[in-house]
Amino acid sequence: MAAIIQVKNLFKSYWRNNLEIPVLHDLTLEVEEGEFLALMGPSGSGKTTLLNLIAGIDRPTRGEVNVVGTDIAKLGESALAKWRSSNVGFVFQFYNLIPVLTAFENVELPLLLTKLSKAERKKHVETALSIVGLGDRMSHYPKQLSGGQEQRVAIARAIVTDPSLLVADEPTGDLDRKSAEEILILMDRLNKEFKKTIVMVTHDPHAAQKASRQLHLEKGDLV
């Protein structure tokens, strides 16, 4: 399999007043196409920072971040935004659904930036919601759904553009055990059946067991 993510000598720091605070120390990492990778480590170890750099949400201080054939560290803001919308689906701990929009409308949001017709958008949204098992909840608002269902709507939104890469930051962190298990089964299916490459940040060893590989970060270093 070809590598879909190649990170080389990645260094990331933030400045607080006149103090430079290193977060990631010259990391090198490869993720193969179709892999399901779990990033683990204690709070403050740099997991989410690494995920955000891979997804093009944040920029490295130095080093290469080559994802889906593009060195995204070299892209300008508008080119990076366009690259993200075409290549990456995002799943967050707290769903980030818009309360005044239905499940259908929430999932449709990323497609409004594309050139798809209304009929094509409808087909994509219905497919994504049926994949996550919510074909019968399209007209429901977030407040009418359980936490697990809200996260499934968020996953449908993440996959509706058919991205090469799914990034998930603690996707089960706000769910009860039963709902969390359903989300993990869904992500496993997206990986195996739909061949999605997934990078998931989690502190939960049970969640990490669903991944095909686990990596541990400790104070900005892979261990």
N, C-alpha and C. Protein backbone atom coordinates (compact mmCIF):
# COMPACT_ATOMS: atom_id res chain seq x y z
N MET A 1 0.85 -1.20 0.00
CA MET A 1 0.00 0.00 0.00
C MET A 1 0.88 1.25 0.00
N ALA A 2 0.43 2.27 -0.70
CA ALA A 2 1.15 3.54 -0.71
C ALA A 2 0.83 4.31 0.56
N ALA A 3 1.77 5.15 0.98
CA ALA A 3 1.54 6.00 2.15
C ALA A 3 0.63 7.16 1.76
N ILE A 4 -0.44 7.35 2.52
CA ILE A 4 -1.35 8.48 2.27
C ILE A 4 -0.93 9.70 3.10
N ILE A 5 -0.20 9.41 4.20
CA ILE A 5 0.33 10.48 5.06
C ILE A 5 1.83 10.23 5.28
N GLN A 6 2.62 11.25 4.99
CA GLN A 6 4.06 11.19 5.26
C GLN A 6 4.45 12.46 6.01
N VAL A 7 4.82 12.28 7.27
CA VAL A 7 5.24 13.40 8.11
C VAL A 7 6.74 13.23 8.35
N LYS A 8 7.51 14.29 8.04
CA LYS A 8 8.97 14.20 8.18
C LYS A 8 9.50 15.37 9.00
N ASN A 9 10.27 15.02 10.04
CA ASN A 9 10.95 16.03 10.88
C ASN A 9 10.00 17.15 11.30
N LEU A 10 8.82 16.74 11.76
CA LEU A 10 7.77 17.70 12.09
C LEU A 10 8.01 18.29 13.48
N PHE A 11 8.12 19.60 13.51
CA PHE A 11 8.31 20.32 14.77
C PHE A 11 7.22 21.37 14.89
N LYS A 12 6.57 21.43 16.06
CA LYS A 12 5.53 22.43 16.28
C LYS A 12 5.72 23.05 17.66
N SER A 13 5.73 24.37 17.68
CA SER A 13 5.81 25.07 18.96
C SER A 13 4.84 26.25 18.94
N TYR A 14 4.48 26.69 20.12
CA TYR A 14 3.65 27.89 20.28
C TYR A 14 4.42 28.89 21.14
N TRP A 15 4.10 30.15 20.93
CA TRP A 15 4.74 31.20 21.73
C TRP A 15 3.75 31.73 22.76
N ARG A 16 4.20 31.82 24.00
CA ARG A 16 3.42 32.45 25.06
C ARG A 16 4.29 33.57 25.63
N ASN A 17 3.86 34.81 25.36
CA ASN A 17 4.70 35.98 25.64
C ASN A 17 6.03 35.81 24.91
N ASN A 18 7.15 35.76 25.62
CA ASN A 18 8.44 35.58 24.95
C ASN A 18 8.97 34.15 25.09
N LEU A 19 8.10 33.26 25.53
CA LEU A 19 8.54 31.88 25.79
C LEU A 19 8.05 30.94 24.69
N GLU A 20 8.96 30.21 24.06
CA GLU A 20 8.58 29.22 23.05
C GLU A 20 8.28 27.89 23.75
N ILE A 21 7.09 27.36 23.48
CA ILE A 21 6.69 26.09 24.11
C ILE A 21 6.60 25.02 23.03
N PRO A 22 7.58 24.09 22.98
CA PRO A 22 7.52 23.01 21.98
C PRO A 22 6.42 22.02 22.31
N VAL A 23 5.68 21.60 21.27
CA VAL A 23 4.59 20.64 21.46
C VAL A 23 4.93 19.30 20.80
N LEU A 24 5.49 19.35 19.59
CA LEU A 24 5.92 18.14 18.87
C LEU A 24 7.39 18.28 18.50
N HIS A 25 8.15 17.18 18.70
CA HIS A 25 9.59 17.24 18.52
C HIS A 25 10.03 16.40 17.32
N ASP A 26 10.24 17.01 16.18
CA ASP A 26 10.83 16.34 15.02
C ASP A 26 10.25 14.95 14.77
N LEU A 27 8.95 14.88 14.66
CA LEU A 27 8.27 13.60 14.43
C LEU A 27 8.38 13.15 12.98
N THR A 28 8.55 11.85 12.79
CA THR A 28 8.47 11.26 11.46
C THR A 28 7.49 10.10 11.54
N LEU A 29 6.56 10.08 10.58
CA LEU A 29 5.45 9.13 10.66
C LEU A 29 4.91 8.86 9.26
N GLU A 30 4.55 7.61 9.00
CA GLU A 30 3.86 7.26 7.75
C GLU A 30 2.58 6.50 8.07
N VAL A 31 1.52 6.83 7.34
CA VAL A 31 0.25 6.11 7.47
C VAL A 31 -0.12 5.61 6.08
N GLU A 32 -0.35 4.31 5.97
CA GLU A 32 -0.67 3.73 4.67
C GLU A 32 -2.14 3.95 4.32
N GLU A 33 -2.40 3.98 3.02
CA GLU A 33 -3.76 4.10 2.54
C GLU A 33 -4.59 2.92 3.07
N GLY A 34 -5.78 3.23 3.59
CA GLY A 34 -6.65 2.18 4.12
C GLY A 34 -6.36 1.77 5.55
N GLU A 35 -5.41 2.43 6.19
CA GLU A 35 -5.07 2.10 7.58
C GLU A 35 -6.04 2.78 8.54
N PHE A 36 -6.21 2.19 9.71
CA PHE A 36 -6.98 2.78 10.81
C PHE A 36 -6.00 2.95 11.96
N LEU A 37 -5.57 4.18 12.18
CA LEU A 37 -4.53 4.47 13.17
C LEU A 37 -5.13 5.15 14.38
N ALA A 38 -4.78 4.65 15.58
CA ALA A 38 -5.18 5.31 16.82
C ALA A 38 -3.97 6.01 17.42
N LEU A 39 -4.13 7.30 17.71
CA LEU A 39 -3.09 8.07 18.41
C LEU A 39 -3.48 8.17 19.87
N MET A 40 -2.61 7.64 20.73
CA MET A 40 -2.89 7.63 22.17
C MET A 40 -1.83 8.42 22.91
N GLY A 41 -2.14 8.69 24.17
CA GLY A 41 -1.18 9.41 25.01
C GLY A 41 -1.91 10.26 26.02
N PRO A 42 -1.21 10.68 27.07
CA PRO A 42 -1.85 11.48 28.11
C PRO A 42 -2.23 12.86 27.59
N SER A 43 -3.07 13.55 28.36
CA SER A 43 -3.47 14.91 28.01
C SER A 43 -2.22 15.79 27.92
N GLY A 44 -2.16 16.60 26.87
CA GLY A 44 -1.00 17.48 26.69
C GLY A 44 0.17 16.85 25.97
N SER A 45 -0.02 15.62 25.46
CA SER A 45 1.09 14.92 24.79
C SER A 45 1.27 15.36 23.34
N GLY A 46 0.30 16.10 22.79
CA GLY A 46 0.42 16.58 21.41
C GLY A 46 -0.43 15.83 20.41
N LYS A 47 -1.34 14.95 20.88
CA LYS A 47 -2.16 14.13 19.98
C LYS A 47 -3.02 14.99 19.05
N THR A 48 -3.78 15.89 19.66
CA THR A 48 -4.70 16.72 18.86
C THR A 48 -3.92 17.66 17.95
N THR A 49 -2.79 18.17 18.43
CA THR A 49 -1.95 19.04 17.59
C THR A 49 -1.49 18.28 16.35
N LEU A 50 -1.04 17.04 16.53
CA LEU A 50 -0.60 16.23 15.39
C LEU A 50 -1.77 15.98 14.44
N LEU A 51 -2.93 15.66 14.99
CA LEU A 51 -4.12 15.43 14.16
C LEU A 51 -4.46 16.68 13.34
N ASN A 52 -4.42 17.84 13.99
CA ASN A 52 -4.75 19.09 13.31
C ASN A 52 -3.74 19.44 12.21
N LEU A 53 -2.49 19.08 12.42
CA LEU A 53 -1.46 19.32 11.39
C LEU A 53 -1.68 18.40 10.19
N ILE A 54 -2.02 17.14 10.45
CA ILE A 54 -2.29 16.19 9.36
C ILE A 54 -3.52 16.62 8.56
N ALA A 55 -4.51 17.20 9.27
CA ALA A 55 -5.77 17.58 8.62
C ALA A 55 -5.71 18.97 7.98
N GLY A 56 -4.60 19.67 8.15
CA GLY A 56 -4.48 21.00 7.56
C GLY A 56 -5.25 22.07 8.31
N ILE A 57 -5.59 21.81 9.58
CA ILE A 57 -6.25 22.83 10.41
C ILE A 57 -5.20 23.76 11.00
N ASP A 58 -4.01 23.21 11.27
CA ASP A 58 -2.90 23.96 11.85
C ASP A 58 -1.69 23.81 10.95
N ARG A 59 -0.69 24.65 11.18
CA ARG A 59 0.52 24.63 10.34
C ARG A 59 1.75 24.30 11.19
N PRO A 60 2.69 23.52 10.64
CA PRO A 60 3.88 23.20 11.41
C PRO A 60 4.82 24.40 11.54
N THR A 61 5.61 24.40 12.60
CA THR A 61 6.68 25.39 12.73
C THR A 61 7.76 25.10 11.69
N ARG A 62 8.07 23.81 11.55
CA ARG A 62 8.94 23.37 10.45
C ARG A 62 8.69 21.88 10.20
N GLY A 63 9.15 21.41 9.05
CA GLY A 63 8.98 20.00 8.69
C GLY A 63 7.97 19.83 7.57
N GLU A 64 7.87 18.60 7.07
CA GLU A 64 6.98 18.29 5.96
C GLU A 64 5.73 17.56 6.45
N VAL A 65 4.58 17.94 5.87
CA VAL A 65 3.33 17.21 6.12
C VAL A 65 2.74 16.92 4.75
N ASN A 66 3.03 15.72 4.23
CA ASN A 66 2.56 15.34 2.90
C ASN A 66 1.35 14.43 3.06
N VAL A 67 0.18 14.91 2.61
CA VAL A 67 -1.06 14.16 2.78
C VAL A 67 -1.79 14.09 1.44
N VAL A 68 -2.17 12.88 1.05
CA VAL A 68 -2.85 12.64 -0.23
C VAL A 68 -2.07 13.30 -1.38
N GLY A 69 -0.74 13.14 -1.33
CA GLY A 69 0.10 13.60 -2.44
C GLY A 69 0.41 15.09 -2.46
N THR A 70 0.07 15.82 -1.39
CA THR A 70 0.31 17.27 -1.36
C THR A 70 1.06 17.64 -0.10
N ASP A 71 2.13 18.45 -0.25
CA ASP A 71 2.82 18.99 0.92
C ASP A 71 2.00 20.17 1.41
N ILE A 72 1.09 19.89 2.35
CA ILE A 72 0.09 20.91 2.74
C ILE A 72 0.72 22.06 3.53
N ALA A 73 1.93 21.85 4.06
CA ALA A 73 2.59 22.94 4.79
C ALA A 73 2.94 24.10 3.87
N LYS A 74 2.99 23.83 2.57
CA LYS A 74 3.39 24.86 1.61
C LYS A 74 2.20 25.58 0.96
N LEU A 75 0.98 25.15 1.28
CA LEU A 75 -0.20 25.75 0.65
C LEU A 75 -0.58 27.06 1.31
N GLY A 76 -1.08 28.01 0.51
CA GLY A 76 -1.67 29.23 1.05
C GLY A 76 -3.02 28.94 1.68
N GLU A 77 -3.58 29.92 2.37
CA GLU A 77 -4.82 29.70 3.12
C GLU A 77 -5.98 29.22 2.24
N SER A 78 -6.21 29.89 1.10
CA SER A 78 -7.37 29.51 0.27
C SER A 78 -7.16 28.15 -0.38
N ALA A 79 -5.91 27.87 -0.81
CA ALA A 79 -5.60 26.56 -1.40
C ALA A 79 -5.74 25.46 -0.36
N LEU A 80 -5.34 25.77 0.88
CA LEU A 80 -5.44 24.79 1.97
C LEU A 80 -6.90 24.50 2.31
N ALA A 81 -7.73 25.54 2.34
CA ALA A 81 -9.17 25.35 2.61
C ALA A 81 -9.81 24.48 1.53
N LYS A 82 -9.44 24.73 0.28
CA LYS A 82 -9.97 23.94 -0.84
C LYS A 82 -9.50 22.49 -0.73
N TRP A 83 -8.22 22.31 -0.38
CA TRP A 83 -7.66 20.96 -0.22
C TRP A 83 -8.40 20.20 0.89
N ARG A 84 -8.62 20.88 2.03
CA ARG A 84 -9.32 20.24 3.15
C ARG A 84 -10.72 19.78 2.74
N SER A 85 -11.46 20.66 2.05
CA SER A 85 -12.85 20.32 1.71
C SER A 85 -12.94 19.15 0.74
N SER A 86 -11.88 18.92 -0.03
CA SER A 86 -11.88 17.82 -1.00
C SER A 86 -11.35 16.51 -0.43
N ASN A 87 -10.48 16.60 0.58
CA ASN A 87 -9.71 15.41 0.99
C ASN A 87 -9.94 14.89 2.40
N VAL A 88 -10.49 15.74 3.29
CA VAL A 88 -10.55 15.36 4.70
C VAL A 88 -11.96 15.49 5.25
N GLY A 89 -12.39 14.46 6.00
CA GLY A 89 -13.64 14.53 6.75
C GLY A 89 -13.31 14.61 8.23
N PHE A 90 -14.01 15.47 8.96
CA PHE A 90 -13.70 15.73 10.36
C PHE A 90 -14.81 15.21 11.28
N VAL A 91 -14.39 14.50 12.35
CA VAL A 91 -15.32 14.05 13.39
C VAL A 91 -14.76 14.52 14.72
N PHE A 92 -15.58 15.28 15.48
CA PHE A 92 -15.11 15.86 16.73
C PHE A 92 -15.82 15.22 17.92
N GLN A 93 -15.30 15.49 19.13
CA GLN A 93 -15.91 14.91 20.33
C GLN A 93 -17.33 15.44 20.55
N PHE A 94 -17.55 16.74 20.26
CA PHE A 94 -18.83 17.37 20.59
C PHE A 94 -19.68 17.65 19.35
N TYR A 95 -19.60 16.79 18.36
CA TYR A 95 -20.51 16.74 17.19
C TYR A 95 -20.49 17.99 16.31
N ASN A 96 -20.57 19.21 16.92
CA ASN A 96 -20.56 20.47 16.15
C ASN A 96 -21.70 20.54 15.13
N LEU A 97 -22.86 20.02 15.50
CA LEU A 97 -24.03 20.15 14.62
C LEU A 97 -24.68 21.52 14.86
N ILE A 98 -25.34 22.04 13.83
CA ILE A 98 -26.04 23.32 13.96
C ILE A 98 -27.48 23.03 14.41
N PRO A 99 -27.88 23.53 15.60
CA PRO A 99 -29.15 23.12 16.19
C PRO A 99 -30.39 23.47 15.38
N VAL A 100 -30.33 24.55 14.59
CA VAL A 100 -31.52 24.98 13.83
C VAL A 100 -31.64 24.28 12.48
N LEU A 101 -30.70 23.38 12.17
CA LEU A 101 -30.75 22.63 10.92
C LEU A 101 -31.11 21.18 11.20
N THR A 102 -31.85 20.57 10.29
CA THR A 102 -32.17 19.14 10.42
C THR A 102 -30.92 18.30 10.17
N ALA A 103 -31.04 17.00 10.44
CA ALA A 103 -29.94 16.08 10.15
C ALA A 103 -29.54 16.18 8.68
N PHE A 104 -30.54 16.19 7.80
CA PHE A 104 -30.28 16.31 6.35
C PHE A 104 -29.49 17.57 6.06
N GLU A 105 -29.95 18.71 6.61
CA GLU A 105 -29.31 20.00 6.31
C GLU A 105 -27.90 20.08 6.90
N ASN A 106 -27.69 19.49 8.08
CA ASN A 106 -26.35 19.46 8.66
C ASN A 106 -25.38 18.68 7.78
N VAL A 107 -25.85 17.54 7.27
CA VAL A 107 -24.98 16.70 6.43
C VAL A 107 -24.73 17.36 5.08
N GLU A 108 -25.71 18.11 4.61
CA GLU A 108 -25.58 18.76 3.29
C GLU A 108 -24.57 19.91 3.30
N LEU A 109 -24.30 20.48 4.46
CA LEU A 109 -23.46 21.69 4.54
C LEU A 109 -22.17 21.66 3.72
N PRO A 110 -21.33 20.60 3.85
CA PRO A 110 -20.08 20.61 3.08
C PRO A 110 -20.31 20.60 1.57
N LEU A 111 -21.47 20.10 1.13
CA LEU A 111 -21.75 20.00 -0.31
C LEU A 111 -22.16 21.34 -0.91
N LEU A 112 -22.55 22.29 -0.05
CA LEU A 112 -22.95 23.60 -0.55
C LEU A 112 -21.77 24.36 -1.16
N LEU A 113 -20.55 23.91 -0.82
CA LEU A 113 -19.34 24.53 -1.37
C LEU A 113 -18.92 23.88 -2.69
N THR A 114 -19.63 22.86 -3.12
CA THR A 114 -19.28 22.15 -4.35
C THR A 114 -20.18 22.60 -5.50
N LYS A 115 -19.92 22.07 -6.67
CA LYS A 115 -20.71 22.43 -7.86
C LYS A 115 -21.85 21.43 -8.12
N LEU A 116 -22.11 20.59 -7.14
CA LEU A 116 -23.18 19.59 -7.31
C LEU A 116 -24.55 20.27 -7.39
N SER A 117 -25.42 19.69 -8.20
CA SER A 117 -26.79 20.19 -8.29
C SER A 117 -27.56 19.81 -7.01
N LYS A 118 -28.73 20.41 -6.82
CA LYS A 118 -29.55 20.10 -5.65
C LYS A 118 -29.91 18.62 -5.61
N ALA A 119 -30.24 18.06 -6.76
CA ALA A 119 -30.61 16.64 -6.84
C ALA A 119 -29.42 15.74 -6.49
N GLU A 120 -28.23 16.13 -6.97
CA GLU A 120 -27.02 15.34 -6.66
C GLU A 120 -26.69 15.44 -5.17
N ARG A 121 -26.84 16.64 -4.60
CA ARG A 121 -26.59 16.81 -3.16
C ARG A 121 -27.53 15.92 -2.35
N LYS A 122 -28.81 15.91 -2.74
CA LYS A 122 -29.81 15.09 -2.04
C LYS A 122 -29.41 13.62 -2.04
N LYS A 123 -28.95 13.14 -3.19
CA LYS A 123 -28.54 11.74 -3.32
C LYS A 123 -27.35 11.43 -2.41
N HIS A 124 -26.37 12.33 -2.39
CA HIS A 124 -25.17 12.13 -1.54
C HIS A 124 -25.56 12.12 -0.06
N VAL A 125 -26.41 13.06 0.34
CA VAL A 125 -26.82 13.15 1.75
C VAL A 125 -27.59 11.90 2.17
N GLU A 126 -28.52 11.46 1.34
CA GLU A 126 -29.31 10.27 1.66
C GLU A 126 -28.42 9.04 1.77
N THR A 127 -27.43 8.94 0.89
CA THR A 127 -26.48 7.81 0.95
C THR A 127 -25.68 7.84 2.25
N ALA A 128 -25.15 9.02 2.60
CA ALA A 128 -24.33 9.13 3.81
C ALA A 128 -25.16 8.81 5.06
N LEU A 129 -26.38 9.32 5.13
CA LEU A 129 -27.22 9.06 6.31
C LEU A 129 -27.66 7.59 6.37
N SER A 130 -27.85 6.96 5.22
CA SER A 130 -28.21 5.53 5.25
C SER A 130 -27.01 4.68 5.69
N ILE A 131 -25.79 5.08 5.30
CA ILE A 131 -24.59 4.35 5.71
C ILE A 131 -24.45 4.35 7.24
N VAL A 132 -24.78 5.49 7.87
CA VAL A 132 -24.64 5.57 9.34
C VAL A 132 -25.91 5.09 10.06
N GLY A 133 -26.89 4.59 9.30
CA GLY A 133 -28.09 4.00 9.91
C GLY A 133 -29.14 5.01 10.35
N LEU A 134 -29.15 6.19 9.71
CA LEU A 134 -30.12 7.22 10.11
C LEU A 134 -30.98 7.69 8.93
N GLY A 135 -31.24 6.79 7.99
CA GLY A 135 -32.08 7.13 6.85
C GLY A 135 -33.48 7.56 7.25
N ASP A 136 -33.92 7.13 8.44
CA ASP A 136 -35.27 7.48 8.90
C ASP A 136 -35.28 8.69 9.83
N ARG A 137 -34.14 9.37 9.97
CA ARG A 137 -34.05 10.52 10.90
C ARG A 137 -33.66 11.81 10.18
N MET A 138 -33.81 11.84 8.86
CA MET A 138 -33.30 12.97 8.08
C MET A 138 -33.91 14.30 8.47
N SER A 139 -35.20 14.30 8.84
CA SER A 139 -35.88 15.57 9.13
C SER A 139 -35.83 15.93 10.62
N HIS A 140 -35.12 15.13 11.42
CA HIS A 140 -35.02 15.40 12.85
C HIS A 140 -33.96 16.47 13.11
N TYR A 141 -34.20 17.28 14.13
CA TYR A 141 -33.23 18.28 14.58
C TYR A 141 -32.32 17.65 15.65
N PRO A 142 -31.11 18.20 15.85
CA PRO A 142 -30.19 17.61 16.83
C PRO A 142 -30.82 17.35 18.20
N LYS A 143 -31.67 18.28 18.70
CA LYS A 143 -32.26 18.11 20.04
C LYS A 143 -33.23 16.92 20.08
N GLN A 144 -33.64 16.43 18.91
CA GLN A 144 -34.56 15.28 18.85
C GLN A 144 -33.79 13.95 18.74
N LEU A 145 -32.47 14.03 18.77
CA LEU A 145 -31.63 12.84 18.62
C LEU A 145 -30.85 12.57 19.90
N SER A 146 -30.49 11.32 20.10
CA SER A 146 -29.61 10.97 21.22
C SER A 146 -28.17 11.39 20.87
N GLY A 147 -27.30 11.38 21.87
CA GLY A 147 -25.89 11.73 21.64
C GLY A 147 -25.25 10.84 20.58
N GLY A 148 -25.54 9.55 20.65
CA GLY A 148 -24.96 8.62 19.67
C GLY A 148 -25.47 8.90 18.27
N GLN A 149 -26.76 9.26 18.17
CA GLN A 149 -27.32 9.60 16.85
C GLN A 149 -26.72 10.91 16.32
N GLU A 150 -26.52 11.88 17.22
CA GLU A 150 -25.90 13.13 16.80
C GLU A 150 -24.49 12.87 16.24
N GLN A 151 -23.76 11.98 16.91
CA GLN A 151 -22.40 11.69 16.41
C GLN A 151 -22.46 10.97 15.07
N ARG A 152 -23.48 10.15 14.87
CA ARG A 152 -23.62 9.49 13.57
C ARG A 152 -23.96 10.50 12.47
N VAL A 153 -24.77 11.50 12.79
CA VAL A 153 -25.03 12.58 11.82
C VAL A 153 -23.71 13.29 11.50
N ALA A 154 -22.90 13.54 12.52
CA ALA A 154 -21.60 14.20 12.32
C ALA A 154 -20.69 13.35 11.42
N ILE A 155 -20.75 12.04 11.59
CA ILE A 155 -19.93 11.16 10.74
C ILE A 155 -20.46 11.16 9.31
N ALA A 156 -21.79 11.19 9.16
CA ALA A 156 -22.38 11.29 7.81
C ALA A 156 -21.91 12.57 7.13
N ARG A 157 -21.88 13.67 7.88
CA ARG A 157 -21.39 14.94 7.35
C ARG A 157 -19.92 14.82 6.93
N ALA A 158 -19.15 14.07 7.72
CA ALA A 158 -17.72 13.91 7.42
C ALA A 158 -17.47 13.09 6.16
N ILE A 159 -18.37 12.14 5.86
CA ILE A 159 -18.12 11.24 4.71
C ILE A 159 -18.91 11.65 3.46
N VAL A 160 -19.76 12.68 3.57
CA VAL A 160 -20.67 13.00 2.45
C VAL A 160 -19.91 13.46 1.19
N THR A 161 -18.72 14.03 1.38
CA THR A 161 -17.92 14.46 0.22
C THR A 161 -17.01 13.34 -0.30
N ASP A 162 -17.12 12.14 0.31
CA ASP A 162 -16.27 10.99 -0.06
C ASP A 162 -14.78 11.33 0.06
N PRO A 163 -14.33 11.79 1.25
CA PRO A 163 -12.92 12.17 1.41
C PRO A 163 -12.01 10.95 1.47
N SER A 164 -10.72 11.17 1.16
CA SER A 164 -9.74 10.09 1.25
C SER A 164 -9.40 9.77 2.71
N LEU A 165 -9.51 10.77 3.57
CA LEU A 165 -9.02 10.66 4.95
C LEU A 165 -10.09 11.12 5.93
N LEU A 166 -10.31 10.32 6.98
CA LEU A 166 -11.16 10.74 8.09
C LEU A 166 -10.29 10.98 9.31
N VAL A 167 -10.44 12.15 9.93
CA VAL A 167 -9.73 12.40 11.19
C VAL A 167 -10.78 12.54 12.29
N ALA A 168 -10.54 11.88 13.41
CA ALA A 168 -11.52 11.84 14.50
C ALA A 168 -10.82 12.16 15.81
N ASP A 169 -11.30 13.20 16.50
CA ASP A 169 -10.70 13.61 17.76
C ASP A 169 -11.62 13.21 18.91
N GLU A 170 -11.25 12.15 19.61
CA GLU A 170 -12.04 11.62 20.73
C GLU A 170 -13.51 11.43 20.34
N PRO A 171 -13.79 10.68 19.26
CA PRO A 171 -15.17 10.60 18.75
C PRO A 171 -16.15 9.93 19.70
N THR A 172 -15.64 9.18 20.69
CA THR A 172 -16.53 8.52 21.66
C THR A 172 -16.45 9.16 23.04
N GLY A 173 -15.70 10.25 23.14
CA GLY A 173 -15.41 10.84 24.46
C GLY A 173 -16.62 11.38 25.20
N ASP A 174 -17.69 11.72 24.48
CA ASP A 174 -18.86 12.31 25.13
C ASP A 174 -20.05 11.36 25.15
N LEU A 175 -19.79 10.06 24.91
CA LEU A 175 -20.89 9.10 24.76
C LEU A 175 -20.87 8.04 25.86
N ASP A 176 -22.05 7.48 26.14
CA ASP A 176 -22.10 6.33 27.05
C ASP A 176 -21.51 5.11 26.34
N ARG A 177 -21.26 4.08 27.11
CA ARG A 177 -20.52 2.91 26.59
C ARG A 177 -21.22 2.27 25.39
N LYS A 178 -22.56 2.13 25.46
CA LYS A 178 -23.29 1.49 24.35
C LYS A 178 -23.20 2.33 23.07
N SER A 179 -23.44 3.64 23.19
CA SER A 179 -23.36 4.52 22.02
C SER A 179 -21.93 4.56 21.47
N ALA A 180 -20.96 4.58 22.38
CA ALA A 180 -19.55 4.61 21.96
C ALA A 180 -19.22 3.36 21.15
N GLU A 181 -19.72 2.21 21.61
CA GLU A 181 -19.45 0.96 20.90
C GLU A 181 -20.06 0.99 19.50
N GLU A 182 -21.26 1.55 19.38
CA GLU A 182 -21.91 1.65 18.06
C GLU A 182 -21.10 2.55 17.11
N ILE A 183 -20.55 3.64 17.64
CA ILE A 183 -19.73 4.54 16.82
C ILE A 183 -18.44 3.85 16.39
N LEU A 184 -17.84 3.09 17.28
CA LEU A 184 -16.61 2.37 16.94
C LEU A 184 -16.86 1.29 15.88
N ILE A 185 -17.99 0.60 15.98
CA ILE A 185 -18.36 -0.40 14.97
C ILE A 185 -18.56 0.28 13.61
N LEU A 186 -19.20 1.46 13.63
CA LEU A 186 -19.40 2.22 12.39
C LEU A 186 -18.07 2.65 11.78
N MET A 187 -17.15 3.12 12.61
CA MET A 187 -15.86 3.56 12.08
C MET A 187 -15.06 2.38 11.53
N ASP A 188 -15.16 1.24 12.21
CA ASP A 188 -14.51 0.03 11.71
C ASP A 188 -15.08 -0.36 10.34
N ARG A 189 -16.39 -0.21 10.19
CA ARG A 189 -17.03 -0.51 8.90
C ARG A 189 -16.58 0.47 7.81
N LEU A 190 -16.51 1.75 8.15
CA LEU A 190 -16.04 2.75 7.17
C LEU A 190 -14.63 2.43 6.71
N ASN A 191 -13.82 1.92 7.62
CA ASN A 191 -12.45 1.56 7.28
C ASN A 191 -12.40 0.30 6.41
N LYS A 192 -13.09 -0.75 6.84
CA LYS A 192 -12.96 -2.05 6.16
C LYS A 192 -13.80 -2.14 4.88
N GLU A 193 -15.05 -1.67 4.97
CA GLU A 193 -15.97 -1.82 3.84
C GLU A 193 -15.80 -0.69 2.82
N PHE A 194 -15.61 0.53 3.32
CA PHE A 194 -15.53 1.68 2.43
C PHE A 194 -14.11 2.17 2.20
N LYS A 195 -13.13 1.45 2.80
CA LYS A 195 -11.70 1.69 2.56
C LYS A 195 -11.25 3.09 2.95
N LYS A 196 -11.89 3.67 3.98
CA LYS A 196 -11.48 4.99 4.44
C LYS A 196 -10.24 4.87 5.32
N THR A 197 -9.27 5.73 5.06
CA THR A 197 -8.13 5.85 5.97
C THR A 197 -8.58 6.70 7.14
N ILE A 198 -8.35 6.21 8.36
CA ILE A 198 -8.82 6.91 9.57
C ILE A 198 -7.66 7.14 10.52
N VAL A 199 -7.54 8.38 11.00
CA VAL A 199 -6.63 8.69 12.10
C VAL A 199 -7.48 9.18 13.25
N MET A 200 -7.43 8.45 14.36
CA MET A 200 -8.30 8.75 15.51
C MET A 200 -7.47 9.02 16.76
N VAL A 201 -7.73 10.16 17.38
CA VAL A 201 -7.15 10.46 18.69
C VAL A 201 -8.10 9.91 19.75
N THR A 202 -7.56 9.17 20.70
CA THR A 202 -8.38 8.65 21.79
C THR A 202 -7.51 8.42 23.03
N HIS A 203 -8.14 8.54 24.18
CA HIS A 203 -7.45 8.16 25.43
C HIS A 203 -8.00 6.83 25.94
N ASP A 204 -8.96 6.27 25.20
CA ASP A 204 -9.67 5.06 25.62
C ASP A 204 -9.03 3.82 24.98
N PRO A 205 -8.39 2.95 25.78
CA PRO A 205 -7.75 1.75 25.23
C PRO A 205 -8.73 0.86 24.47
N HIS A 206 -9.99 0.80 24.94
CA HIS A 206 -11.00 -0.02 24.26
C HIS A 206 -11.25 0.51 22.84
N ALA A 207 -11.37 1.83 22.71
CA ALA A 207 -11.57 2.45 21.39
C ALA A 207 -10.36 2.19 20.50
N ALA A 208 -9.17 2.29 21.07
CA ALA A 208 -7.95 2.11 20.29
C ALA A 208 -7.82 0.69 19.74
N GLN A 209 -8.44 -0.27 20.42
CA GLN A 209 -8.35 -1.66 19.97
C GLN A 209 -9.02 -1.88 18.61
N LYS A 210 -9.94 -1.00 18.24
CA LYS A 210 -10.60 -1.12 16.93
C LYS A 210 -9.65 -0.78 15.79
N ALA A 211 -8.60 -0.03 16.10
CA ALA A 211 -7.66 0.42 15.06
C ALA A 211 -6.74 -0.72 14.64
N SER A 212 -6.20 -0.60 13.43
CA SER A 212 -5.25 -1.61 12.96
C SER A 212 -3.85 -1.36 13.51
N ARG A 213 -3.60 -0.12 14.00
CA ARG A 213 -2.30 0.20 14.58
C ARG A 213 -2.49 1.28 15.64
N GLN A 214 -1.70 1.18 16.71
CA GLN A 214 -1.75 2.19 17.76
C GLN A 214 -0.38 2.83 17.91
N LEU A 215 -0.36 4.15 18.02
CA LEU A 215 0.87 4.88 18.30
C LEU A 215 0.66 5.71 19.57
N HIS A 216 1.71 5.79 20.39
CA HIS A 216 1.62 6.53 21.64
C HIS A 216 2.51 7.76 21.60
N LEU A 217 1.94 8.88 21.97
CA LEU A 217 2.70 10.13 22.09
C LEU A 217 2.96 10.41 23.56
N GLU A 218 4.15 10.85 23.85
CA GLU A 218 4.53 11.20 25.22
C GLU A 218 5.33 12.49 25.12
N LYS A 219 4.75 13.59 25.62
CA LYS A 219 5.43 14.89 25.63
C LYS A 219 6.00 15.26 24.27
N GLY A 220 5.20 15.02 23.21
CA GLY A 220 5.59 15.46 21.89
C GLY A 220 6.47 14.49 21.11
N ASP A 221 6.73 13.31 21.69
CA ASP A 221 7.54 12.30 21.00
C ASP A 221 6.72 11.03 20.81
N LEU A 222 6.92 10.35 19.68
CA LEU A 222 6.33 9.02 19.50
C LEU A 222 7.16 8.02 20.29
N VAL A 223 6.47 7.21 21.09
CA VAL A 223 7.20 6.23 21.91
C VAL A 223 6.73 4.81 21.59
